[in-house]
Amino acid sequence: RSSPSCFRGQRHARLLIDGRLPVANPRSKMEMTGDGRVDVEGTKRKVQNELAAAALQDLFQKITDKCYVKCIVKPGPKLDNNDQTCLAKCMDRYLDTMTVVSQTMAVRSQQASSME
């Protein structure tokens, strides 16, 4: 379910809704070298950046959706103090959890790489 415009007034929600990242464009041009050849590394970096931006946008949308459903009991033109507090705490917890999970995965990946 989509978030109403009153959700945009929140400090955290503004980042999530109005601060959308551009979606990866599969038709964007490949990076070229000065002599007309395809710059494989530059193209790879560009694709990786676009994928990361799309993943971040997806994460923000999930946070927005989950916290909106959890916190907004009666949608209206304004958020009351309880809604604002709930949204801020929900988004903070979600982002903190994602940070811990990401760091744990990075450590495990590094440990697996060093065992090989």
Foldseek 3Di string as FASTA:
>chain_A
DDDDPQQCVAPLVVCLPVVQDDADDPPDDFDADPVGHGPVVRRVVSVVVNVVSNVVNVLSVVLVVVQCVVQPPDDDNHDDPSSNVSSVVSSVVSVVVVVVVVVVVVVVVVVVVVVD
